[in-house]
Amino acid sequence: MPQMMPMNWILSLIYFILLLMTFNIMNYYNYNNKMNNFLKINFKKKMLNWKW
């Protein structure tokens, strides 16, 4: 097994963490938008189905 350079390892780790963070942030925003739309639609349906 070849010995890894510590600096390379640290850099790759930082890069990976940054990638993960950006991915999570994107997912979070997309999820929030979807949830908001879903809740709005559900709310409208409930309001329409409500017995006036």
N, C-alpha and C. Protein backbone atom coordinates (compact mmCIF):
# COMPACT_ATOMS: atom_id res chain seq x y z
N MET A 1 0.85 -1.20 0.00
CA MET A 1 0.00 0.00 0.00
C MET A 1 0.88 1.25 0.00
N PRO A 2 0.71 2.12 -0.99
CA PRO A 2 1.55 3.34 -1.03
C PRO A 2 1.16 4.34 0.05
N GLN A 3 2.16 5.02 0.54
CA GLN A 3 1.91 5.98 1.61
C GLN A 3 1.33 7.26 1.02
N MET A 4 0.22 7.73 1.59
CA MET A 4 -0.42 8.95 1.10
C MET A 4 0.24 10.16 1.73
N MET A 5 0.32 11.22 0.96
CA MET A 5 0.88 12.46 1.49
C MET A 5 -0.18 13.15 2.35
N PRO A 6 0.20 13.56 3.55
CA PRO A 6 -0.78 14.17 4.46
C PRO A 6 -1.45 15.41 3.85
N MET A 7 -0.64 16.23 3.16
CA MET A 7 -1.19 17.45 2.58
C MET A 7 -2.25 17.11 1.53
N ASN A 8 -1.95 16.15 0.70
CA ASN A 8 -2.91 15.72 -0.32
C ASN A 8 -4.19 15.20 0.32
N TRP A 9 -4.02 14.44 1.36
CA TRP A 9 -5.15 13.85 2.06
C TRP A 9 -6.03 14.95 2.64
N ILE A 10 -5.41 15.94 3.27
CA ILE A 10 -6.15 17.04 3.87
C ILE A 10 -6.90 17.83 2.79
N LEU A 11 -6.21 18.10 1.70
CA LEU A 11 -6.84 18.85 0.60
C LEU A 11 -8.03 18.10 0.02
N SER A 12 -7.86 16.83 -0.20
CA SER A 12 -8.95 16.03 -0.75
C SER A 12 -10.12 15.98 0.23
N LEU A 13 -9.81 15.90 1.51
CA LEU A 13 -10.85 15.88 2.54
C LEU A 13 -11.63 17.19 2.52
N ILE A 14 -10.92 18.30 2.47
CA ILE A 14 -11.56 19.62 2.43
C ILE A 14 -12.44 19.73 1.19
N TYR A 15 -11.91 19.30 0.07
CA TYR A 15 -12.65 19.35 -1.19
C TYR A 15 -13.93 18.53 -1.09
N PHE A 16 -13.80 17.34 -0.54
CA PHE A 16 -14.95 16.45 -0.38
C PHE A 16 -16.01 17.07 0.51
N ILE A 17 -15.56 17.67 1.62
CA ILE A 17 -16.49 18.30 2.56
C ILE A 17 -17.22 19.46 1.89
N LEU A 18 -16.48 20.27 1.14
CA LEU A 18 -17.09 21.40 0.43
C LEU A 18 -18.14 20.91 -0.57
N LEU A 19 -17.79 19.87 -1.28
CA LEU A 19 -18.70 19.29 -2.26
C LEU A 19 -19.98 18.81 -1.56
N LEU A 20 -19.80 18.11 -0.47
CA LEU A 20 -20.92 17.58 0.30
C LEU A 20 -21.80 18.72 0.81
N MET A 21 -21.17 19.76 1.31
CA MET A 21 -21.91 20.91 1.84
C MET A 21 -22.73 21.59 0.76
N THR A 22 -22.13 21.83 -0.38
CA THR A 22 -22.86 22.49 -1.48
C THR A 22 -24.03 21.61 -1.92
N PHE A 23 -23.78 20.32 -2.01
CA PHE A 23 -24.83 19.37 -2.40
C PHE A 23 -25.99 19.41 -1.40
N ASN A 24 -25.64 19.42 -0.10
CA ASN A 24 -26.66 19.47 0.94
C ASN A 24 -27.47 20.76 0.88
N ILE A 25 -26.78 21.87 0.66
CA ILE A 25 -27.47 23.16 0.58
C ILE A 25 -28.44 23.17 -0.60
N MET A 26 -27.99 22.66 -1.73
CA MET A 26 -28.86 22.60 -2.91
C MET A 26 -30.08 21.72 -2.64
N ASN A 27 -29.85 20.58 -2.04
CA ASN A 27 -30.94 19.67 -1.71
C ASN A 27 -31.91 20.33 -0.74
N TYR A 28 -31.36 21.04 0.23
CA TYR A 28 -32.18 21.70 1.24
C TYR A 28 -33.11 22.72 0.59
N TYR A 29 -32.57 23.52 -0.32
CA TYR A 29 -33.39 24.54 -0.99
C TYR A 29 -34.45 23.89 -1.87
N ASN A 30 -34.06 22.89 -2.62
CA ASN A 30 -35.02 22.19 -3.49
C ASN A 30 -36.12 21.55 -2.66
N TYR A 31 -35.73 20.92 -1.56
CA TYR A 31 -36.69 20.25 -0.68
C TYR A 31 -37.67 21.27 -0.11
N ASN A 32 -37.15 22.42 0.32
CA ASN A 32 -38.00 23.47 0.88
C ASN A 32 -39.00 23.96 -0.15
N ASN A 33 -38.55 24.19 -1.36
CA ASN A 33 -39.45 24.65 -2.42
C ASN A 33 -40.54 23.62 -2.69
N LYS A 34 -40.16 22.37 -2.77
CA LYS A 34 -41.12 21.31 -3.02
C LYS A 34 -42.13 21.23 -1.88
N MET A 35 -41.63 21.31 -0.65
CA MET A 35 -42.51 21.23 0.51
C MET A 35 -43.48 22.40 0.53
N ASN A 36 -42.99 23.59 0.24
CA ASN A 36 -43.86 24.77 0.22
C ASN A 36 -44.96 24.62 -0.82
N ASN A 37 -44.60 24.18 -2.00
CA ASN A 37 -45.59 23.97 -3.06
C ASN A 37 -46.59 22.90 -2.64
N PHE A 38 -46.10 21.84 -2.08
CA PHE A 38 -46.93 20.73 -1.64
C PHE A 38 -47.93 21.21 -0.59
N LEU A 39 -47.45 21.98 0.39
CA LEU A 39 -48.31 22.48 1.45
C LEU A 39 -49.36 23.43 0.89
N LYS A 40 -48.95 24.29 -0.02
CA LYS A 40 -49.90 25.24 -0.63
C LYS A 40 -50.99 24.48 -1.37
N ILE A 41 -50.60 23.49 -2.15
CA ILE A 41 -51.56 22.71 -2.93
C ILE A 41 -52.51 21.98 -1.98
N ASN A 42 -51.97 21.38 -0.94
CA ASN A 42 -52.79 20.66 0.03
C ASN A 42 -53.76 21.59 0.72
N PHE A 43 -53.27 22.76 1.05
CA PHE A 43 -54.11 23.75 1.72
C PHE A 43 -55.28 24.15 0.82
N LYS A 44 -54.98 24.37 -0.45
CA LYS A 44 -56.03 24.73 -1.41
C LYS A 44 -57.04 23.60 -1.53
N LYS A 45 -56.56 22.39 -1.61
CA LYS A 45 -57.46 21.23 -1.73
C LYS A 45 -58.37 21.14 -0.50
N LYS A 46 -57.78 21.34 0.67
CA LYS A 46 -58.56 21.27 1.90
C LYS A 46 -59.61 22.38 1.93
N MET A 47 -59.20 23.55 1.48
CA MET A 47 -60.12 24.68 1.46
C MET A 47 -61.26 24.42 0.47
N LEU A 48 -60.93 23.81 -0.64
CA LEU A 48 -61.95 23.51 -1.66
C LEU A 48 -62.89 22.41 -1.17
N ASN A 49 -62.33 21.45 -0.46
CA ASN A 49 -63.14 20.32 0.02
C ASN A 49 -63.92 20.66 1.29
N TRP A 50 -63.62 21.80 1.86
CA TRP A 50 -64.29 22.19 3.09
C TRP A 50 -65.78 22.41 2.84
N LYS A 51 -66.60 21.98 3.79
CA LYS A 51 -68.05 22.16 3.64
C LYS A 51 -68.42 23.57 4.08
N TRP A 52 -68.82 24.37 3.10
CA TRP A 52 -69.17 25.76 3.44
C TRP A 52 -70.60 25.82 3.94
